[in-house]
PDB file of N, CA and C in Angstrom:
ATOM      1  N   MET A   1       5.839   2.066 -12.412  1.00  0.00           N
ATOM      2  CA  MET A   1       5.543   0.787 -13.030  1.00  0.00           C
ATOM      3  C   MET A   1       4.232   0.268 -12.453  1.00  0.00           C
ATOM      4  N   SER A   2       3.334  -0.081 -13.304  1.00  0.00           N
ATOM      5  CA  SER A   2       2.043  -0.577 -12.851  1.00  0.00           C
ATOM      6  C   SER A   2       1.838  -2.009 -13.305  1.00  0.00           C
ATOM      7  N   LEU A   3       1.291  -2.826 -12.417  1.00  0.00           N
ATOM      8  CA  LEU A   3       0.975  -4.201 -12.748  1.00  0.00           C
ATOM      9  C   LEU A   3      -0.523  -4.361 -12.986  1.00  0.00           C
ATOM     10  N   ARG A   4      -1.224  -3.276 -13.259  1.00  0.00           N
ATOM     11  CA  ARG A   4      -2.677  -3.306 -13.414  1.00  0.00           C
ATOM     12  C   ARG A   4      -3.082  -4.116 -14.635  1.00  0.00           C
ATOM     13  N   ARG A   5      -4.106  -4.926 -14.464  1.00  0.00           N
ATOM     14  CA  ARG A   5      -4.625  -5.712 -15.565  1.00  0.00           C
ATOM     15  C   ARG A   5      -6.094  -5.365 -15.855  1.00  0.00           C
ATOM     16  N   PHE A   6      -6.684  -4.571 -15.035  1.00  0.00           N
ATOM     17  CA  PHE A   6      -8.051  -4.114 -15.233  1.00  0.00           C
ATOM     18  C   PHE A   6      -8.152  -2.752 -14.585  1.00  0.00           C
ATOM     19  N   ASN A   7      -9.309  -2.141 -14.633  1.00  0.00           N
ATOM     20  CA  ASN A   7      -9.451  -0.780 -14.127  1.00  0.00           C
ATOM     21  C   ASN A   7     -10.163  -0.782 -12.779  1.00  0.00           C
ATOM     22  N   PRO A   8      -9.414  -1.016 -11.701  1.00  0.00           N
ATOM     23  CA  PRO A   8     -10.047  -1.048 -10.381  1.00  0.00           C
ATOM     24  C   PRO A   8     -10.323   0.357  -9.862  1.00  0.00           C
ATOM     25  N   ARG A   9     -11.182   0.435  -8.879  1.00  0.00           N
ATOM     26  CA  ARG A   9     -11.429   1.714  -8.210  1.00  0.00           C
ATOM     27  C   ARG A   9     -10.284   1.955  -7.241  1.00  0.00           C
ATOM     28  N   ARG A  10      -9.667   3.119  -7.313  1.00  0.00           N
ATOM     29  CA  ARG A  10      -8.545   3.465  -6.452  1.00  0.00           C
ATOM     30  C   ARG A  10      -9.035   4.449  -5.392  1.00  0.00           C
ATOM     31  N   ASP A  11      -8.408   4.421  -4.214  1.00  0.00           N
ATOM     32  CA  ASP A  11      -8.766   5.389  -3.178  1.00  0.00           C
ATOM     33  C   ASP A  11      -8.290   6.776  -3.602  1.00  0.00           C
ATOM     34  N   ALA A  12      -9.070   7.794  -3.290  1.00  0.00           N
ATOM     35  CA  ALA A  12      -8.788   9.159  -3.727  1.00  0.00           C
ATOM     36  C   ALA A  12      -7.467   9.696  -3.190  1.00  0.00           C
ATOM     37  N   ASN A  13      -6.999   9.175  -2.073  1.00  0.00           N
ATOM     38  CA  ASN A  13      -5.761   9.668  -1.465  1.00  0.00           C
ATOM     39  C   ASN A  13      -4.521   8.912  -1.936  1.00  0.00           C
ATOM     40  N   GLU A  14      -4.676   7.982  -2.873  1.00  0.00           N
ATOM     41  CA  GLU A  14      -3.541   7.160  -3.290  1.00  0.00           C
ATOM     42  C   GLU A  14      -2.404   7.984  -3.891  1.00  0.00           C
ATOM     43  N   GLY A  15      -2.709   8.970  -4.720  1.00  0.00           N
ATOM     44  CA  GLY A  15      -1.666   9.798  -5.329  1.00  0.00           C
ATOM     45  C   GLY A  15      -0.821  10.512  -4.285  1.00  0.00           C
ATOM     46  N   GLU A  16      -1.469  11.076  -3.287  1.00  0.00           N
ATOM     47  CA  GLU A  16      -0.760  11.768  -2.206  1.00  0.00           C
ATOM     48  C   GLU A  16       0.108  10.786  -1.416  1.00  0.00           C
ATOM     49  N   ILE A  17      -0.408   9.586  -1.179  1.00  0.00           N
ATOM     50  CA  ILE A  17       0.351   8.558  -0.460  1.00  0.00           C
ATOM     51  C   ILE A  17       1.591   8.177  -1.264  1.00  0.00           C
ATOM     52  N   ILE A  18       1.424   7.929  -2.564  1.00  0.00           N
ATOM     53  CA  ILE A  18       2.558   7.549  -3.414  1.00  0.00           C
ATOM     54  C   ILE A  18       3.593   8.666  -3.454  1.00  0.00           C
ATOM     55  N   ASP A  19       3.160   9.901  -3.647  1.00  0.00           N
ATOM     56  CA  ASP A  19       4.098  11.035  -3.666  1.00  0.00           C
ATOM     57  C   ASP A  19       4.894  11.118  -2.370  1.00  0.00           C
ATOM     58  N   THR A  20       4.230  10.953  -1.244  1.00  0.00           N
ATOM     59  CA  THR A  20       4.907  11.023   0.054  1.00  0.00           C
ATOM     60  C   THR A  20       5.922   9.901   0.196  1.00  0.00           C
ATOM     61  N   LEU A  21       5.535   8.683  -0.161  1.00  0.00           N
ATOM     62  CA  LEU A  21       6.469   7.551  -0.067  1.00  0.00           C
ATOM     63  C   LEU A  21       7.704   7.782  -0.934  1.00  0.00           C
ATOM     64  N   GLU A  22       7.503   8.280  -2.145  1.00  0.00           N
ATOM     65  CA  GLU A  22       8.640   8.537  -3.030  1.00  0.00           C
ATOM     66  C   GLU A  22       9.552   9.620  -2.459  1.00  0.00           C
ATOM     67  N   LYS A  23       8.992  10.647  -1.851  1.00  0.00           N
ATOM     68  CA  LYS A  23       9.807  11.687  -1.215  1.00  0.00           C
ATOM     69  C   LYS A  23      10.604  11.134  -0.040  1.00  0.00           C
ATOM     70  N   LEU A  24      10.099  10.058   0.577  1.00  0.00           N
ATOM     71  CA  LEU A  24      10.792   9.414   1.697  1.00  0.00           C
ATOM     72  C   LEU A  24      11.808   8.372   1.222  1.00  0.00           C
ATOM     73  N   GLY A  25      12.005   8.270  -0.089  1.00  0.00           N
ATOM     74  CA  GLY A  25      13.026   7.379  -0.627  1.00  0.00           C
ATOM     75  C   GLY A  25      12.559   5.987  -1.012  1.00  0.00           C
ATOM     76  N   PHE A  26      11.257   5.760  -1.041  1.00  0.00           N
ATOM     77  CA  PHE A  26      10.730   4.455  -1.435  1.00  0.00           C
ATOM     78  C   PHE A  26      10.489   4.414  -2.940  1.00  0.00           C
ATOM     79  N   ASN A  27      10.597   3.224  -3.512  1.00  0.00           N
ATOM     80  CA  ASN A  27      10.120   2.953  -4.862  1.00  0.00           C
ATOM     81  C   ASN A  27       8.728   2.363  -4.693  1.00  0.00           C
ATOM     82  N   VAL A  28       7.795   2.776  -5.542  1.00  0.00           N
ATOM     83  CA  VAL A  28       6.400   2.374  -5.365  1.00  0.00           C
ATOM     84  C   VAL A  28       5.825   1.873  -6.686  1.00  0.00           C
ATOM     85  N   SER A  29       5.159   0.728  -6.634  1.00  0.00           N
ATOM     86  CA  SER A  29       4.409   0.199  -7.773  1.00  0.00           C
ATOM     87  C   SER A  29       2.988  -0.087  -7.321  1.00  0.00           C
ATOM     88  N   THR A  30       2.035   0.271  -8.175  1.00  0.00           N
ATOM     89  CA  THR A  30       0.648  -0.062  -7.864  1.00  0.00           C
ATOM     90  C   THR A  30       0.378  -1.495  -8.300  1.00  0.00           C
ATOM     91  N   VAL A  31      -0.448  -2.169  -7.542  1.00  0.00           N
ATOM     92  CA  VAL A  31      -0.809  -3.554  -7.822  1.00  0.00           C
ATOM     93  C   VAL A  31      -2.329  -3.639  -7.804  1.00  0.00           C
ATOM     94  N   SER A  32      -2.885  -4.363  -8.747  1.00  0.00           N
ATOM     95  CA  SER A  32      -4.339  -4.480  -8.796  1.00  0.00           C
ATOM     96  C   SER A  32      -4.744  -5.907  -9.107  1.00  0.00           C
ATOM     97  N   SER A  33      -5.217  -6.557  -8.111  1.00  0.00           N
ATOM     98  CA  SER A  33      -5.807  -7.877  -8.246  1.00  0.00           C
ATOM     99  C   SER A  33      -6.683  -8.064  -7.020  1.00  0.00           C
ATOM    100  N   THR A  34      -7.755  -8.752  -7.162  1.00  0.00           N
ATOM    101  CA  THR A  34      -8.715  -8.886  -6.075  1.00  0.00           C
ATOM    102  C   THR A  34      -8.057  -9.356  -4.787  1.00  0.00           C
ATOM    103  N   GLY A  35      -8.182  -8.547  -3.749  1.00  0.00           N
ATOM    104  CA  GLY A  35      -7.687  -8.906  -2.427  1.00  0.00           C
ATOM    105  C   GLY A  35      -6.246  -8.555  -2.145  1.00  0.00           C
ATOM    106  N   ILE A  36      -5.445  -8.341  -3.177  1.00  0.00           N
ATOM    107  CA  ILE A  36      -4.020  -8.063  -2.981  1.00  0.00           C
ATOM    108  C   ILE A  36      -3.844  -6.587  -2.615  1.00  0.00           C
ATOM    109  N   PRO A  37      -2.940  -6.278  -1.668  1.00  0.00           N
ATOM    110  CA  PRO A  37      -2.729  -4.884  -1.269  1.00  0.00           C
ATOM    111  C   PRO A  37      -2.425  -3.972  -2.463  1.00  0.00           C
ATOM    112  N   ASP A  38      -2.733  -2.685  -2.315  1.00  0.00           N
ATOM    113  CA  ASP A  38      -2.645  -1.715  -3.404  1.00  0.00           C
ATOM    114  C   ASP A  38      -1.237  -1.409  -3.875  1.00  0.00           C
ATOM    115  N   LEU A  39      -0.274  -1.404  -2.946  1.00  0.00           N
ATOM    116  CA  LEU A  39       1.071  -0.945  -3.294  1.00  0.00           C
ATOM    117  C   LEU A  39       2.144  -1.955  -2.917  1.00  0.00           C
ATOM    118  N   LEU A  40       3.124  -2.085  -3.807  1.00  0.00           N
ATOM    119  CA  LEU A  40       4.361  -2.794  -3.515  1.00  0.00           C
ATOM    120  C   LEU A  40       5.402  -1.700  -3.328  1.00  0.00           C
ATOM    121  N   VAL A  41       5.968  -1.621  -2.142  1.00  0.00           N
ATOM    122  CA  VAL A  41       6.857  -0.532  -1.750  1.00  0.00           C
ATOM    123  C   VAL A  41       8.219  -1.123  -1.409  1.00  0.00           C
ATOM    124  N   SER A  42       9.287  -0.514  -1.927  1.00  0.00           N
ATOM    125  CA  SER A  42      10.619  -1.032  -1.604  1.00  0.00           C
ATOM    126  C   SER A  42      11.578   0.108  -1.288  1.00  0.00           C
ATOM    127  N   ARG A  43      12.554  -0.250  -0.460  1.00  0.00           N
ATOM    128  CA  ARG A  43      13.647   0.662  -0.133  1.00  0.00           C
ATOM    129  C   ARG A  43      14.750  -0.195   0.462  1.00  0.00           C
ATOM    130  N   ARG A  44      15.977   0.086   0.049  1.00  0.00           N
ATOM    131  CA  ARG A  44      17.147  -0.656   0.548  1.00  0.00           C
ATOM    132  C   ARG A  44      16.974  -2.165   0.405  1.00  0.00           C
ATOM    133  N   GLU A  45      16.504  -2.583  -0.752  1.00  0.00           N
ATOM    134  CA  GLU A  45      16.375  -3.994  -1.117  1.00  0.00           C
ATOM    135  C   GLU A  45      15.343  -4.770  -0.292  1.00  0.00           C
ATOM    136  N   LEU A  46      14.479  -4.072   0.424  1.00  0.00           N
ATOM    137  CA  LEU A  46      13.412  -4.725   1.186  1.00  0.00           C
ATOM    138  C   LEU A  46      12.060  -4.318   0.611  1.00  0.00           C
ATOM    139  N   PHE A  47      11.161  -5.282   0.497  1.00  0.00           N
ATOM    140  CA  PHE A  47       9.831  -5.032  -0.039  1.00  0.00           C
ATOM    141  C   PHE A  47       8.789  -5.028   1.069  1.00  0.00           C
ATOM    142  N   HIS A  48       7.774  -4.196   0.893  1.00  0.00           N
ATOM    143  CA  HIS A  48       6.674  -4.082   1.843  1.00  0.00           C
ATOM    144  C   HIS A  48       5.372  -3.998   1.052  1.00  0.00           C
ATOM    145  N   LEU A  49       4.306  -4.539   1.608  1.00  0.00           N
ATOM    146  CA  LEU A  49       2.974  -4.411   1.022  1.00  0.00           C
ATOM    147  C   LEU A  49       2.197  -3.359   1.794  1.00  0.00           C
ATOM    148  N   ALA A  50       1.452  -2.537   1.068  1.00  0.00           N
ATOM    149  CA  ALA A  50       0.677  -1.480   1.720  1.00  0.00           C
ATOM    150  C   ALA A  50      -0.718  -1.400   1.111  1.00  0.00           C
ATOM    151  N   GLU A  51      -1.685  -1.237   1.975  1.00  0.00           N
ATOM    152  CA  GLU A  51      -3.080  -1.047   1.571  1.00  0.00           C
ATOM    153  C   GLU A  51      -3.430   0.420   1.793  1.00  0.00           C
ATOM    154  N   VAL A  52      -3.872   1.105   0.749  1.00  0.00           N
ATOM    155  CA  VAL A  52      -4.279   2.502   0.852  1.00  0.00           C
ATOM    156  C   VAL A  52      -5.775   2.539   1.143  1.00  0.00           C
ATOM    157  N   LYS A  53      -6.139   3.274   2.162  1.00  0.00           N
ATOM    158  CA  LYS A  53      -7.546   3.445   2.524  1.00  0.00           C
ATOM    159  C   LYS A  53      -7.801   4.908   2.843  1.00  0.00           C
ATOM    160  N   MET A  54      -8.980   5.358   2.522  1.00  0.00           N
ATOM    161  CA  MET A  54      -9.411   6.662   3.001  1.00  0.00           C
ATOM    162  C   MET A  54      -9.567   6.542   4.515  1.00  0.00           C
ATOM    163  N   PRO A  55      -9.368   7.621   5.267  1.00  0.00           N
ATOM    164  CA  PRO A  55      -9.529   7.532   6.717  1.00  0.00           C
ATOM    165  C   PRO A  55     -10.874   6.904   7.089  1.00  0.00           C
ATOM    166  N   GLY A  56     -10.799   5.874   7.905  1.00  0.00           N
ATOM    167  CA  GLY A  56     -11.999   5.172   8.335  1.00  0.00           C
ATOM    168  C   GLY A  56     -12.534   4.158   7.341  1.00  0.00           C
ATOM    169  N   GLY A  57     -11.866   4.024   6.180  1.00  0.00           N
ATOM    170  CA  GLY A  57     -12.331   3.081   5.166  1.00  0.00           C
ATOM    171  C   GLY A  57     -12.214   1.636   5.636  1.00  0.00           C
ATOM    172  N   ARG A  58     -13.074   0.795   5.111  1.00  0.00           N
ATOM    173  CA  ARG A  58     -13.111  -0.611   5.514  1.00  0.00           C
ATOM    174  C   ARG A  58     -12.442  -1.491   4.467  1.00  0.00           C
ATOM    175  N   THR A  59     -11.884  -2.603   4.932  1.00  0.00           N
ATOM    176  CA  THR A  59     -11.325  -3.577   4.002  1.00  0.00           C
ATOM    177  C   THR A  59     -12.449  -4.453   3.456  1.00  0.00           C
ATOM    178  N   GLN A  60     -12.204  -5.009   2.283  1.00  0.00           N
ATOM    179  CA  GLN A  60     -13.160  -5.920   1.665  1.00  0.00           C
ATOM    180  C   GLN A  60     -12.845  -7.345   2.099  1.00  0.00           C
ATOM    181  N   LYS A  61     -13.793  -8.249   1.918  1.00  0.00           N
ATOM    182  CA  LYS A  61     -13.611  -9.634   2.331  1.00  0.00           C
ATOM    183  C   LYS A  61     -12.373 -10.250   1.680  1.00  0.00           C
ATOM    184  N   ALA A  62     -12.163 -10.008   0.396  1.00  0.00           N
ATOM    185  CA  ALA A  62     -10.997 -10.577  -0.290  1.00  0.00           C
ATOM    186  C   ALA A  62      -9.692 -10.067   0.325  1.00  0.00           C
ATOM    187  N   GLN A  63      -9.680  -8.816   0.768  1.00  0.00           N
ATOM    188  CA  GLN A  63      -8.490  -8.267   1.423  1.00  0.00           C
ATOM    189  C   GLN A  63      -8.276  -8.930   2.777  1.00  0.00           C
ATOM    190  N   ASP A  64      -9.337  -9.136   3.520  1.00  0.00           N
ATOM    191  CA  ASP A  64      -9.241  -9.831   4.810  1.00  0.00           C
ATOM    192  C   ASP A  64      -8.758 -11.262   4.615  1.00  0.00           C
ATOM    193  N   ASP A  65      -9.244 -11.931   3.574  1.00  0.00           N
ATOM    194  CA  ASP A  65      -8.816 -13.302   3.280  1.00  0.00           C
ATOM    195  C   ASP A  65      -7.331 -13.353   2.931  1.00  0.00           C
ATOM    196  N   PHE A  66      -6.856 -12.383   2.138  1.00  0.00           N
ATOM    197  CA  PHE A  66      -5.441 -12.322   1.778  1.00  0.00           C
ATOM    198  C   PHE A  66      -4.589 -12.162   3.033  1.00  0.00           C
ATOM    199  N   ARG A  67      -4.993 -11.254   3.895  1.00  0.00           N
ATOM    200  CA  ARG A  67      -4.252 -11.002   5.140  1.00  0.00           C
ATOM    201  C   ARG A  67      -4.223 -12.254   6.022  1.00  0.00           C
ATOM    202  N   ALA A  68      -5.315 -12.987   6.080  1.00  0.00           N
ATOM    203  CA  ALA A  68      -5.373 -14.204   6.894  1.00  0.00           C
ATOM    204  C   ALA A  68      -4.481 -15.307   6.319  1.00  0.00           C
ATOM    205  N   LYS A  69      -4.369 -15.344   5.008  1.00  0.00           N
ATOM    206  CA  LYS A  69      -3.578 -16.390   4.344  1.00  0.00           C
ATOM    207  C   LYS A  69      -2.076 -16.132   4.446  1.00  0.00           C
ATOM    208  N   HIS A  70      -1.675 -14.878   4.406  1.00  0.00           N
ATOM    209  CA  HIS A  70      -0.253 -14.511   4.389  1.00  0.00           C
ATOM    210  C   HIS A  70       0.132 -13.909   5.733  1.00  0.00           C
ATOM    211  N   SER A  71       1.260 -14.345   6.243  1.00  0.00           N
ATOM    212  CA  SER A  71       1.640 -13.963   7.608  1.00  0.00           C
ATOM    213  C   SER A  71       2.421 -12.656   7.699  1.00  0.00           C
ATOM    214  N   GLY A  72       2.819 -12.072   6.595  1.00  0.00           N
ATOM    215  CA  GLY A  72       3.630 -10.862   6.641  1.00  0.00           C
ATOM    216  C   GLY A  72       2.827  -9.626   7.014  1.00  0.00           C
ATOM    217  N   THR A  73       3.539  -8.550   7.272  1.00  0.00           N
ATOM    218  CA  THR A  73       2.921  -7.270   7.613  1.00  0.00           C
ATOM    219  C   THR A  73       2.376  -6.599   6.360  1.00  0.00           C
ATOM    220  N   ILE A  74       1.172  -6.095   6.451  1.00  0.00           N
ATOM    221  CA  ILE A  74       0.592  -5.263   5.404  1.00  0.00           C
ATOM    222  C   ILE A  74       0.290  -3.917   6.048  1.00  0.00           C
ATOM    223  N   TRP A  75       0.974  -2.886   5.588  1.00  0.00           N
ATOM    224  CA  TRP A  75       0.825  -1.553   6.163  1.00  0.00           C
ATOM    225  C   TRP A  75      -0.460  -0.919   5.659  1.00  0.00           C
ATOM    226  N   ARG A  76      -1.199  -0.290   6.538  1.00  0.00           N
ATOM    227  CA  ARG A  76      -2.404   0.463   6.175  1.00  0.00           C
ATOM    228  C   ARG A  76      -2.015   1.936   6.147  1.00  0.00           C
ATOM    229  N   LEU A  77      -2.157   2.564   4.991  1.00  0.00           N
ATOM    230  CA  LEU A  77      -1.764   3.958   4.817  1.00  0.00           C
ATOM    231  C   LEU A  77      -2.995   4.791   4.481  1.00  0.00           C
ATOM    232  N   GLU A  78      -3.307   5.742   5.358  1.00  0.00           N
ATOM    233  CA  GLU A  78      -4.463   6.619   5.157  1.00  0.00           C
ATOM    234  C   GLU A  78      -4.057   8.059   4.877  1.00  0.00           C
ATOM    235  N   CYS A  79      -2.838   8.441   5.273  1.00  0.00           N
ATOM    236  CA  CYS A  79      -2.417   9.833   5.150  1.00  0.00           C
ATOM    237  C   CYS A  79      -0.887   9.895   5.122  1.00  0.00           C
ATOM    238  N   PRO A  80      -0.314  11.053   4.776  1.00  0.00           N
ATOM    239  CA  PRO A  80       1.139  11.175   4.750  1.00  0.00           C
ATOM    240  C   PRO A  80       1.812  10.813   6.076  1.00  0.00           C
ATOM    241  N   ALA A  81       1.168  11.088   7.200  1.00  0.00           N
ATOM    242  CA  ALA A  81       1.766  10.740   8.501  1.00  0.00           C
ATOM    243  C   ALA A  81       1.968   9.230   8.627  1.00  0.00           C
ATOM    244  N   ASP A  82       1.069   8.438   8.043  1.00  0.00           N
ATOM    245  CA  ASP A  82       1.242   6.985   8.056  1.00  0.00           C
ATOM    246  C   ASP A  82       2.474   6.580   7.250  1.00  0.00           C
ATOM    247  N   CYS A  83       2.755   7.304   6.174  1.00  0.00           N
ATOM    248  CA  CYS A  83       3.947   7.036   5.362  1.00  0.00           C
ATOM    249  C   CYS A  83       5.211   7.328   6.161  1.00  0.00           C
ATOM    250  N   VAL A  84       5.211   8.415   6.903  1.00  0.00           N
ATOM    251  CA  VAL A  84       6.357   8.761   7.750  1.00  0.00           C
ATOM    252  C   VAL A  84       6.546   7.693   8.822  1.00  0.00           C
ATOM    253  N   SER A  85       5.470   7.217   9.399  1.00  0.00           N
ATOM    254  CA  SER A  85       5.549   6.151  10.399  1.00  0.00           C
ATOM    255  C   SER A  85       6.165   4.894   9.795  1.00  0.00           C
ATOM    256  N   LEU A  86       5.725   4.516   8.607  1.00  0.00           N
ATOM    257  CA  LEU A  86       6.318   3.370   7.909  1.00  0.00           C
ATOM    258  C   LEU A  86       7.806   3.593   7.698  1.00  0.00           C
ATOM    259  N   SER A  87       8.174   4.774   7.227  1.00  0.00           N
ATOM    260  CA  SER A  87       9.575   5.093   6.968  1.00  0.00           C
ATOM    261  C   SER A  87      10.428   4.985   8.225  1.00  0.00           C
ATOM    262  N   ASN A  88       9.879   5.374   9.354  1.00  0.00           N
ATOM    263  CA  ASN A  88      10.620   5.322  10.615  1.00  0.00           C
ATOM    264  C   ASN A  88      10.728   3.910  11.186  1.00  0.00           C
ATOM    265  N   LYS A  89       9.842   3.011  10.773  1.00  0.00           N
ATOM    266  CA  LYS A  89       9.815   1.662  11.344  1.00  0.00           C
ATOM    267  C   LYS A  89      10.533   0.616  10.508  1.00  0.00           C
ATOM    268  N   VAL A  90      10.840   0.925   9.253  1.00  0.00           N
ATOM    269  CA  VAL A  90      11.522  -0.048   8.396  1.00  0.00           C
ATOM    270  C   VAL A  90      12.855   0.535   7.932  1.00  0.00           C
ATOM    271  N   PRO A  91      13.803  -0.346   7.641  1.00  0.00           N
ATOM    272  CA  PRO A  91      15.113   0.156   7.159  1.00  0.00           C
ATOM    273  C   PRO A  91      15.006   0.881   5.831  1.00  0.00           C
TER     274      PRO A  91
END
């Protein structure tokens, strides 16, 4: 399920990240709006926000502003190992 309303540039590793999360039992939706994290991830009735970045990639100002405004955790996922780490840290 995609909530995309325009055609944003996606990180090249996003497909691999989504596939890994789904194999780990997460439901994944892509989200596209300026500054909002790339993925809405859920498992066992809990939702998580995740930002997909290429290794070493930088966040944009709008993303930094979103993070400053909202107090919740936003997971940064660069590779499948980051997905496994997320899976091990959340129910």
